N, C-alpha and C. Protein backbone atom coordinates (compact mmCIF):
# COMPACT_ATOMS: atom_id res chain seq x y z
N MET A 1 137.95 79.43 9.63
CA MET A 1 137.99 78.52 10.83
C MET A 1 139.42 78.66 11.48
N HIS A 2 139.38 78.72 12.81
CA HIS A 2 140.62 78.77 13.52
C HIS A 2 141.37 77.45 13.34
N PRO A 3 142.68 77.50 13.21
CA PRO A 3 143.42 76.23 12.92
C PRO A 3 143.31 75.22 14.03
N THR A 4 142.98 75.62 15.25
CA THR A 4 142.87 74.60 16.30
C THR A 4 141.47 73.95 16.33
N PHE A 5 140.53 74.48 15.51
CA PHE A 5 139.22 73.89 15.45
C PHE A 5 139.20 72.75 14.40
N HIS A 6 140.26 72.59 13.73
CA HIS A 6 140.33 71.48 12.73
C HIS A 6 140.11 70.11 13.43
N PRO A 7 139.29 69.24 12.80
CA PRO A 7 139.06 67.95 13.53
C PRO A 7 140.29 67.17 13.96
N ASN A 8 141.32 67.23 13.22
CA ASN A 8 142.62 66.53 13.73
C ASN A 8 143.17 67.14 14.97
N PHE A 9 143.12 68.46 15.07
CA PHE A 9 143.61 69.08 16.24
C PHE A 9 142.74 68.87 17.45
N VAL A 10 141.47 68.89 17.20
CA VAL A 10 140.49 68.54 18.27
C VAL A 10 140.72 67.10 18.78
N GLN A 11 140.92 66.21 17.87
CA GLN A 11 141.19 64.78 18.24
C GLN A 11 142.54 64.70 19.05
N PHE A 12 143.54 65.46 18.52
CA PHE A 12 144.83 65.48 19.28
C PHE A 12 144.60 65.88 20.76
N LEU A 13 143.85 66.90 20.96
CA LEU A 13 143.65 67.35 22.38
C LEU A 13 142.90 66.32 23.16
N LYS A 14 141.87 65.71 22.50
CA LYS A 14 141.10 64.68 23.22
C LYS A 14 142.01 63.51 23.59
N GLU A 15 142.81 63.08 22.61
CA GLU A 15 143.73 61.94 22.89
C GLU A 15 144.76 62.26 23.90
N PHE A 16 145.38 63.42 23.78
CA PHE A 16 146.45 63.82 24.70
C PHE A 16 145.91 63.92 26.14
N ASN A 17 144.84 64.60 26.32
CA ASN A 17 144.31 64.87 27.64
C ASN A 17 143.54 63.75 28.26
N GLU A 18 142.86 62.95 27.46
CA GLU A 18 141.97 61.94 28.08
C GLU A 18 142.47 60.51 27.88
N THR A 19 142.86 60.13 26.72
CA THR A 19 143.26 58.72 26.49
C THR A 19 144.73 58.47 26.71
N THR A 20 145.47 59.63 26.63
CA THR A 20 146.95 59.59 26.65
C THR A 20 147.58 58.58 25.61
N ASP A 21 146.89 58.59 24.47
CA ASP A 21 147.40 57.80 23.33
C ASP A 21 148.28 58.65 22.54
N TYR A 22 149.54 58.79 22.99
CA TYR A 22 150.49 59.69 22.36
C TYR A 22 150.85 59.26 20.96
N PHE A 23 150.83 58.00 20.66
CA PHE A 23 151.09 57.52 19.29
C PHE A 23 150.03 58.02 18.42
N GLU A 24 148.72 57.99 18.80
CA GLU A 24 147.66 58.50 17.98
C GLU A 24 147.74 60.03 17.85
N CYS A 25 148.15 60.68 18.93
CA CYS A 25 148.38 62.15 18.91
C CYS A 25 149.36 62.52 17.74
N HIS A 26 150.43 61.77 17.69
CA HIS A 26 151.48 61.97 16.65
C HIS A 26 150.86 61.74 15.26
N GLU A 27 150.09 60.67 15.13
CA GLU A 27 149.50 60.34 13.81
C GLU A 27 148.54 61.39 13.34
N VAL A 28 147.62 61.81 14.16
CA VAL A 28 146.64 62.79 13.71
C VAL A 28 147.26 64.18 13.43
N LEU A 29 148.16 64.59 14.26
CA LEU A 29 148.83 65.86 14.00
C LEU A 29 149.73 65.79 12.76
N GLU A 30 150.39 64.65 12.56
CA GLU A 30 151.24 64.56 11.38
C GLU A 30 150.34 64.65 10.07
N ASP A 31 149.19 64.00 10.10
CA ASP A 31 148.29 64.14 8.96
C ASP A 31 147.91 65.60 8.72
N TYR A 32 147.59 66.27 9.81
CA TYR A 32 147.18 67.77 9.67
C TYR A 32 148.35 68.57 9.24
N TRP A 33 149.55 68.33 9.77
CA TRP A 33 150.74 69.10 9.39
C TRP A 33 151.01 68.86 7.89
N LYS A 34 150.93 67.65 7.36
CA LYS A 34 151.15 67.38 5.98
C LYS A 34 150.16 68.14 5.11
N GLU A 35 148.96 68.38 5.63
CA GLU A 35 147.97 69.10 4.91
C GLU A 35 148.21 70.58 4.84
N VAL A 36 148.73 71.19 5.96
CA VAL A 36 148.86 72.63 6.00
C VAL A 36 150.33 73.16 5.82
N ALA A 37 151.30 72.35 6.14
CA ALA A 37 152.68 72.85 6.02
C ALA A 37 153.69 71.72 5.79
N PRO A 38 153.50 70.89 4.79
CA PRO A 38 154.42 69.78 4.53
C PRO A 38 155.85 70.28 4.41
N ARG A 39 156.71 69.55 4.97
CA ARG A 39 158.19 69.79 4.93
C ARG A 39 158.64 71.04 5.70
N GLN A 40 157.72 71.73 6.34
CA GLN A 40 158.07 72.92 7.09
C GLN A 40 158.37 72.43 8.55
N LYS A 41 159.61 72.22 8.83
CA LYS A 41 160.02 71.63 10.12
C LYS A 41 159.74 72.52 11.28
N VAL A 42 159.95 73.81 11.13
CA VAL A 42 159.74 74.76 12.25
C VAL A 42 158.25 75.24 12.12
N HIS A 43 157.44 74.53 12.83
CA HIS A 43 155.97 74.79 12.78
C HIS A 43 155.44 74.38 14.14
N PRO A 44 154.39 75.02 14.65
CA PRO A 44 153.85 74.60 15.96
C PRO A 44 153.33 73.20 15.96
N LEU A 45 152.81 72.70 14.80
CA LEU A 45 152.38 71.28 14.77
C LEU A 45 153.53 70.36 14.98
N THR A 46 154.71 70.64 14.39
CA THR A 46 155.86 69.75 14.59
C THR A 46 156.29 69.75 16.02
N ALA A 47 156.14 70.92 16.73
CA ALA A 47 156.51 71.04 18.17
C ALA A 47 155.62 70.08 18.96
N LEU A 48 154.30 70.06 18.62
CA LEU A 48 153.38 69.27 19.33
C LEU A 48 153.47 67.79 18.94
N ILE A 49 153.84 67.50 17.73
CA ILE A 49 154.09 66.11 17.27
C ILE A 49 155.30 65.52 18.06
N LEU A 50 156.39 66.29 18.12
CA LEU A 50 157.54 65.96 18.88
C LEU A 50 157.23 65.72 20.39
N MET A 51 156.44 66.62 20.94
CA MET A 51 156.04 66.51 22.33
C MET A 51 155.31 65.19 22.57
N SER A 52 154.39 64.88 21.70
CA SER A 52 153.60 63.62 21.76
C SER A 52 154.57 62.37 21.62
N THR A 53 155.42 62.47 20.71
CA THR A 53 156.42 61.41 20.52
C THR A 53 157.31 61.24 21.75
N SER A 54 157.71 62.25 22.31
CA SER A 54 158.52 62.23 23.52
C SER A 54 157.81 61.60 24.67
N MET A 55 156.53 61.94 24.86
CA MET A 55 155.73 61.34 25.95
C MET A 55 155.61 59.81 25.67
N TYR A 56 155.43 59.46 24.44
CA TYR A 56 155.31 58.04 24.11
C TYR A 56 156.63 57.30 24.44
N HIS A 57 157.73 57.91 24.06
CA HIS A 57 159.03 57.21 24.40
C HIS A 57 159.24 57.18 25.90
N TRP A 58 158.88 58.26 26.61
CA TRP A 58 159.15 58.27 28.01
C TRP A 58 158.30 57.21 28.70
N ARG A 59 157.08 57.06 28.41
CA ARG A 59 156.22 56.04 29.03
C ARG A 59 156.75 54.64 28.71
N ARG A 60 157.44 54.43 27.56
CA ARG A 60 158.02 53.15 27.18
C ARG A 60 159.36 52.94 27.87
N GLY A 61 159.93 53.96 28.46
CA GLY A 61 161.24 53.82 29.06
C GLY A 61 162.41 54.12 28.15
N ASN A 62 162.17 54.62 26.99
CA ASN A 62 163.17 54.98 26.02
C ASN A 62 163.60 56.43 26.33
N MET A 63 164.44 56.56 27.31
CA MET A 63 164.84 57.88 27.82
C MET A 63 165.64 58.67 26.75
N THR A 64 166.51 58.03 26.04
CA THR A 64 167.28 58.71 24.98
C THR A 64 166.34 59.33 23.92
N GLY A 65 165.38 58.55 23.46
CA GLY A 65 164.45 59.08 22.51
C GLY A 65 163.52 60.19 23.07
N ALA A 66 163.16 59.98 24.33
CA ALA A 66 162.27 60.91 24.97
C ALA A 66 163.02 62.30 25.14
N ILE A 67 164.20 62.25 25.65
CA ILE A 67 164.96 63.42 25.83
C ILE A 67 165.21 64.21 24.54
N LYS A 68 165.65 63.46 23.54
CA LYS A 68 165.98 64.09 22.27
C LYS A 68 164.71 64.76 21.63
N THR A 69 163.62 64.06 21.64
CA THR A 69 162.43 64.60 20.99
C THR A 69 161.80 65.77 21.83
N MET A 70 161.88 65.67 23.16
CA MET A 70 161.34 66.75 24.00
C MET A 70 162.25 68.00 23.83
N SER A 71 163.52 67.80 23.76
CA SER A 71 164.40 68.98 23.60
C SER A 71 164.08 69.69 22.32
N THR A 72 163.87 68.94 21.22
CA THR A 72 163.57 69.54 19.94
C THR A 72 162.12 70.16 19.98
N SER A 73 161.26 69.49 20.69
CA SER A 73 159.87 70.11 20.82
C SER A 73 159.94 71.43 21.51
N ILE A 74 160.68 71.55 22.58
CA ILE A 74 160.81 72.82 23.30
C ILE A 74 161.40 73.90 22.44
N LYS A 75 162.45 73.51 21.71
CA LYS A 75 163.07 74.51 20.81
C LYS A 75 162.04 74.99 19.78
N ARG A 76 161.25 74.09 19.19
CA ARG A 76 160.23 74.51 18.22
C ARG A 76 159.10 75.26 18.83
N LEU A 77 158.75 74.97 20.06
CA LEU A 77 157.70 75.73 20.79
C LEU A 77 158.16 77.17 20.93
N ILE A 78 159.40 77.33 21.24
CA ILE A 78 159.91 78.70 21.39
C ILE A 78 159.98 79.40 20.09
N GLN A 79 160.44 78.68 19.10
CA GLN A 79 160.55 79.33 17.73
C GLN A 79 159.14 79.71 17.16
N THR A 80 158.14 79.08 17.57
CA THR A 80 156.75 79.35 17.02
C THR A 80 155.83 79.90 18.00
N SER A 81 156.34 80.56 19.07
CA SER A 81 155.48 80.98 20.21
C SER A 81 154.42 82.01 19.77
N ASP A 82 154.61 82.72 18.67
CA ASP A 82 153.60 83.71 18.26
C ASP A 82 152.58 83.15 17.32
N SER A 83 152.56 81.87 17.09
CA SER A 83 151.65 81.19 16.18
C SER A 83 150.18 81.25 16.63
N SER A 84 149.25 81.32 15.71
CA SER A 84 147.86 81.32 16.02
C SER A 84 147.38 79.98 16.72
N PHE A 85 148.22 78.92 16.53
CA PHE A 85 147.97 77.65 17.16
C PHE A 85 147.92 77.78 18.70
N PHE A 86 148.59 78.77 19.22
CA PHE A 86 148.65 78.95 20.67
C PHE A 86 147.69 80.01 21.25
N GLU A 87 146.75 80.44 20.44
CA GLU A 87 145.78 81.43 20.86
C GLU A 87 144.68 80.74 21.72
N THR A 88 144.36 79.53 21.48
CA THR A 88 143.28 78.85 22.14
C THR A 88 143.67 77.82 23.19
N ILE A 89 144.97 77.55 23.28
CA ILE A 89 145.50 76.66 24.29
C ILE A 89 146.57 77.48 25.08
N ASP A 90 146.89 77.04 26.26
CA ASP A 90 147.79 77.78 27.13
C ASP A 90 149.22 77.47 26.82
N TYR A 91 149.78 78.31 25.95
CA TYR A 91 151.19 78.17 25.47
C TYR A 91 152.13 78.10 26.67
N GLU A 92 152.01 79.06 27.59
CA GLU A 92 152.92 79.09 28.78
C GLU A 92 152.90 77.77 29.60
N GLN A 93 151.68 77.27 29.77
CA GLN A 93 151.53 76.00 30.50
C GLN A 93 152.19 74.84 29.73
N ILE A 94 152.01 74.79 28.42
CA ILE A 94 152.69 73.76 27.67
C ILE A 94 154.24 73.82 27.75
N LEU A 95 154.71 75.09 27.61
CA LEU A 95 156.18 75.26 27.69
C LEU A 95 156.71 74.90 29.05
N GLN A 96 156.00 75.24 30.08
CA GLN A 96 156.41 74.85 31.48
C GLN A 96 156.31 73.34 31.67
N ALA A 97 155.20 72.70 31.20
CA ALA A 97 155.07 71.24 31.37
C ALA A 97 156.17 70.44 30.58
N THR A 98 156.46 70.91 29.39
CA THR A 98 157.43 70.21 28.59
C THR A 98 158.83 70.39 29.22
N THR A 99 159.11 71.53 29.74
CA THR A 99 160.41 71.85 30.43
C THR A 99 160.57 70.97 31.68
N ILE A 100 159.51 70.89 32.43
CA ILE A 100 159.52 70.07 33.65
C ILE A 100 159.67 68.58 33.26
N SER A 101 158.89 68.18 32.29
CA SER A 101 159.00 66.78 31.79
C SER A 101 160.46 66.48 31.33
N LEU A 102 161.06 67.35 30.60
CA LEU A 102 162.41 67.17 30.12
C LEU A 102 163.35 66.96 31.27
N ALA A 103 163.23 67.84 32.35
CA ALA A 103 164.09 67.70 33.54
C ALA A 103 163.90 66.39 34.23
N LEU A 104 162.64 65.93 34.28
CA LEU A 104 162.33 64.63 34.89
C LEU A 104 162.96 63.47 34.07
N MET A 105 162.86 63.59 32.79
CA MET A 105 163.44 62.56 31.92
C MET A 105 164.97 62.47 32.12
N GLN A 106 165.56 63.68 32.17
CA GLN A 106 167.05 63.67 32.39
C GLN A 106 167.46 63.12 33.72
N LYS A 107 166.55 63.04 34.61
CA LYS A 107 166.83 62.42 35.93
C LYS A 107 166.40 60.93 35.92
N ALA A 108 165.88 60.46 34.77
CA ALA A 108 165.35 59.08 34.64
C ALA A 108 164.19 58.85 35.56
N SER A 109 163.45 59.84 35.82
CA SER A 109 162.18 59.76 36.67
C SER A 109 161.12 58.94 35.94
N ALA A 110 160.22 58.43 36.80
CA ALA A 110 159.11 57.68 36.24
C ALA A 110 158.21 58.61 35.41
N PHE A 111 157.58 58.04 34.42
CA PHE A 111 156.66 58.72 33.56
C PHE A 111 155.58 59.48 34.33
N GLN A 112 155.34 60.76 33.84
CA GLN A 112 154.31 61.60 34.44
C GLN A 112 153.56 62.33 33.39
N ALA A 113 152.36 61.97 33.12
CA ALA A 113 151.58 62.66 32.14
C ALA A 113 151.15 64.08 32.55
N PHE A 114 150.90 64.90 31.60
CA PHE A 114 150.33 66.25 31.84
C PHE A 114 149.22 66.51 30.84
N SER A 115 148.37 67.44 31.13
CA SER A 115 147.28 67.82 30.20
C SER A 115 147.58 69.22 29.61
N ILE A 116 147.01 69.36 28.48
CA ILE A 116 147.12 70.67 27.76
C ILE A 116 145.91 71.49 28.17
N GLN A 117 146.12 72.69 28.72
CA GLN A 117 145.07 73.53 29.15
C GLN A 117 144.43 74.24 27.95
N ILE A 118 143.11 74.18 27.76
CA ILE A 118 142.41 74.81 26.69
C ILE A 118 141.79 76.08 27.21
N LYS A 119 142.09 77.23 26.52
CA LYS A 119 141.66 78.57 26.97
C LYS A 119 140.36 78.98 26.28
N ASP A 120 140.01 78.42 25.15
CA ASP A 120 138.91 78.84 24.35
C ASP A 120 137.67 77.93 24.62
N SER A 121 136.53 78.57 24.95
CA SER A 121 135.34 77.75 25.28
C SER A 121 134.83 76.96 24.12
N LYS A 122 134.86 77.58 22.88
CA LYS A 122 134.42 76.83 21.75
C LYS A 122 135.26 75.64 21.45
N LEU A 123 136.57 75.72 21.60
CA LEU A 123 137.47 74.59 21.38
C LEU A 123 137.25 73.55 22.48
N GLN A 124 137.08 74.02 23.69
CA GLN A 124 136.75 73.04 24.78
C GLN A 124 135.45 72.25 24.50
N THR A 125 134.45 72.94 23.97
CA THR A 125 133.18 72.30 23.65
C THR A 125 133.42 71.24 22.54
N LEU A 126 134.17 71.61 21.54
CA LEU A 126 134.53 70.63 20.43
C LEU A 126 135.27 69.36 20.97
N VAL A 127 136.17 69.60 21.89
CA VAL A 127 136.90 68.50 22.51
C VAL A 127 135.94 67.61 23.33
N ASN A 128 135.14 68.29 24.14
CA ASN A 128 134.12 67.58 24.97
C ASN A 128 133.19 66.66 24.16
N LYS A 129 132.78 67.18 22.98
CA LYS A 129 131.87 66.46 22.10
C LYS A 129 132.53 65.35 21.39
N ARG A 130 133.85 65.43 21.22
CA ARG A 130 134.57 64.41 20.42
C ARG A 130 134.50 63.06 21.17
N ARG A 131 134.07 62.04 20.46
CA ARG A 131 134.03 60.68 21.00
C ARG A 131 135.20 59.86 20.52
N ILE A 132 135.74 59.12 21.45
CA ILE A 132 136.79 58.18 21.13
C ILE A 132 136.21 56.78 21.42
N GLU A 133 136.11 55.99 20.38
CA GLU A 133 135.41 54.75 20.46
C GLU A 133 136.16 53.66 21.28
N ASN A 134 137.34 53.29 20.78
CA ASN A 134 138.04 52.16 21.34
C ASN A 134 139.18 52.61 22.28
N ARG A 135 138.84 52.68 23.52
CA ARG A 135 139.92 53.04 24.49
C ARG A 135 140.81 51.74 24.67
N GLU A 136 142.05 51.93 24.41
CA GLU A 136 142.97 50.77 24.47
C GLU A 136 143.48 50.54 25.86
N ALA A 137 143.93 49.30 26.09
CA ALA A 137 144.59 48.99 27.32
C ALA A 137 145.96 49.69 27.37
N LEU A 138 146.42 50.02 28.55
CA LEU A 138 147.66 50.78 28.72
C LEU A 138 148.81 50.05 28.09
N ASP A 139 148.90 48.70 28.15
CA ASP A 139 149.95 47.95 27.59
C ASP A 139 150.01 48.15 26.09
N TYR A 140 148.76 48.17 25.46
CA TYR A 140 148.75 48.40 24.04
C TYR A 140 149.22 49.82 23.68
N LEU A 141 148.80 50.82 24.46
CA LEU A 141 149.29 52.17 24.22
C LEU A 141 150.76 52.32 24.30
N ILE A 142 151.35 51.64 25.26
CA ILE A 142 152.80 51.72 25.46
C ILE A 142 153.58 51.14 24.28
N HIS A 143 153.07 50.10 23.73
CA HIS A 143 153.81 49.37 22.66
C HIS A 143 153.10 49.47 21.30
N LYS A 144 152.28 50.51 21.10
CA LYS A 144 151.38 50.57 19.95
C LYS A 144 152.18 50.46 18.64
N HIS A 145 153.29 51.16 18.52
CA HIS A 145 153.99 51.13 17.24
C HIS A 145 154.53 49.72 16.86
N MET A 146 154.69 48.89 17.84
CA MET A 146 155.24 47.55 17.58
C MET A 146 154.06 46.55 17.32
N LEU A 147 152.84 46.84 17.72
CA LEU A 147 151.74 45.96 17.64
C LEU A 147 150.89 46.20 16.41
N ARG A 148 151.08 47.23 15.72
CA ARG A 148 150.31 47.52 14.52
C ARG A 148 150.93 46.78 13.34
N ASP A 149 150.22 46.73 12.22
CA ASP A 149 150.70 46.10 10.98
C ASP A 149 151.84 46.91 10.39
N ARG A 150 153.00 46.40 10.46
CA ARG A 150 154.20 47.11 10.02
C ARG A 150 154.71 46.59 8.68
N SER A 151 153.97 45.76 7.98
CA SER A 151 154.44 45.13 6.76
C SER A 151 154.88 46.15 5.72
N GLU A 152 154.12 47.23 5.54
CA GLU A 152 154.52 48.28 4.53
C GLU A 152 155.82 48.98 4.95
N ILE A 153 156.00 49.25 6.19
CA ILE A 153 157.20 49.88 6.73
C ILE A 153 158.39 48.94 6.45
N LEU A 154 158.26 47.67 6.83
CA LEU A 154 159.37 46.72 6.66
C LEU A 154 159.68 46.52 5.25
N GLU A 155 158.67 46.46 4.34
CA GLU A 155 158.89 46.31 2.91
C GLU A 155 159.60 47.47 2.38
N GLU A 156 159.26 48.66 2.77
CA GLU A 156 159.96 49.90 2.33
C GLU A 156 161.42 49.90 2.79
N ARG A 157 161.65 49.49 4.01
CA ARG A 157 163.03 49.40 4.51
C ARG A 157 163.86 48.44 3.72
N GLU A 158 163.26 47.31 3.33
CA GLU A 158 164.01 46.36 2.53
C GLU A 158 164.31 46.88 1.18
N LYS A 159 163.37 47.61 0.52
CA LYS A 159 163.61 48.24 -0.80
C LYS A 159 164.71 49.25 -0.71
N SER A 160 164.70 50.02 0.33
CA SER A 160 165.72 51.08 0.52
C SER A 160 167.09 50.44 0.72
N LYS A 161 167.14 49.42 1.50
CA LYS A 161 168.39 48.65 1.72
C LYS A 161 168.94 48.08 0.43
N LYS A 162 168.07 47.49 -0.32
CA LYS A 162 168.43 46.89 -1.62
C LYS A 162 168.96 47.94 -2.60
N ARG A 163 168.36 49.12 -2.61
CA ARG A 163 168.78 50.27 -3.45
C ARG A 163 170.17 50.75 -3.03
N ARG A 164 170.44 50.77 -1.71
CA ARG A 164 171.78 51.19 -1.23
C ARG A 164 172.81 50.07 -1.57
N ASP A 165 172.44 48.85 -1.43
CA ASP A 165 173.31 47.72 -1.75
C ASP A 165 173.67 47.72 -3.22
N ASP A 166 172.70 48.04 -4.04
CA ASP A 166 172.90 47.99 -5.54
C ASP A 166 173.79 49.07 -5.96
N ARG A 167 173.90 50.21 -5.20
CA ARG A 167 174.74 51.31 -5.55
C ARG A 167 176.16 51.04 -5.23
N CYS A 168 176.40 50.18 -4.28
CA CYS A 168 177.81 49.88 -3.82
C CYS A 168 178.52 48.96 -4.76
């Protein structure tokens, strides 16, 4: 199976192009990345994860986070340009769109979404057939990371802080 036909990648494309739920894009690709290349930072999936994260930050108005993550995304896109992940989607279009987006972010321009062009008809069919049940309101998409249950994250932060304090 081609790596872009994986259900997580198909969902990523559906979310990125249709729902613009960039937080969900990050989540599904991160799960896929952990499955195929955990801890391998220079990977096409990390480039796309960072791209999604940047778009999420940009829409929220976090220009510092958006610029930093998009810059790293572009760097990783270039480093992994020969990957099979870019055989079925338009690599040049993604590189151009991320570069334009970065320039707009650096000018503090208003958020502008872009779509990922799919070159493979089988992949396009998979994306078309993919159903997304709960389309969220834009306000929820913009602040999704703050509106989800964060108790585990906060608990882990407290444990980490306590461990650091205990070492001092």
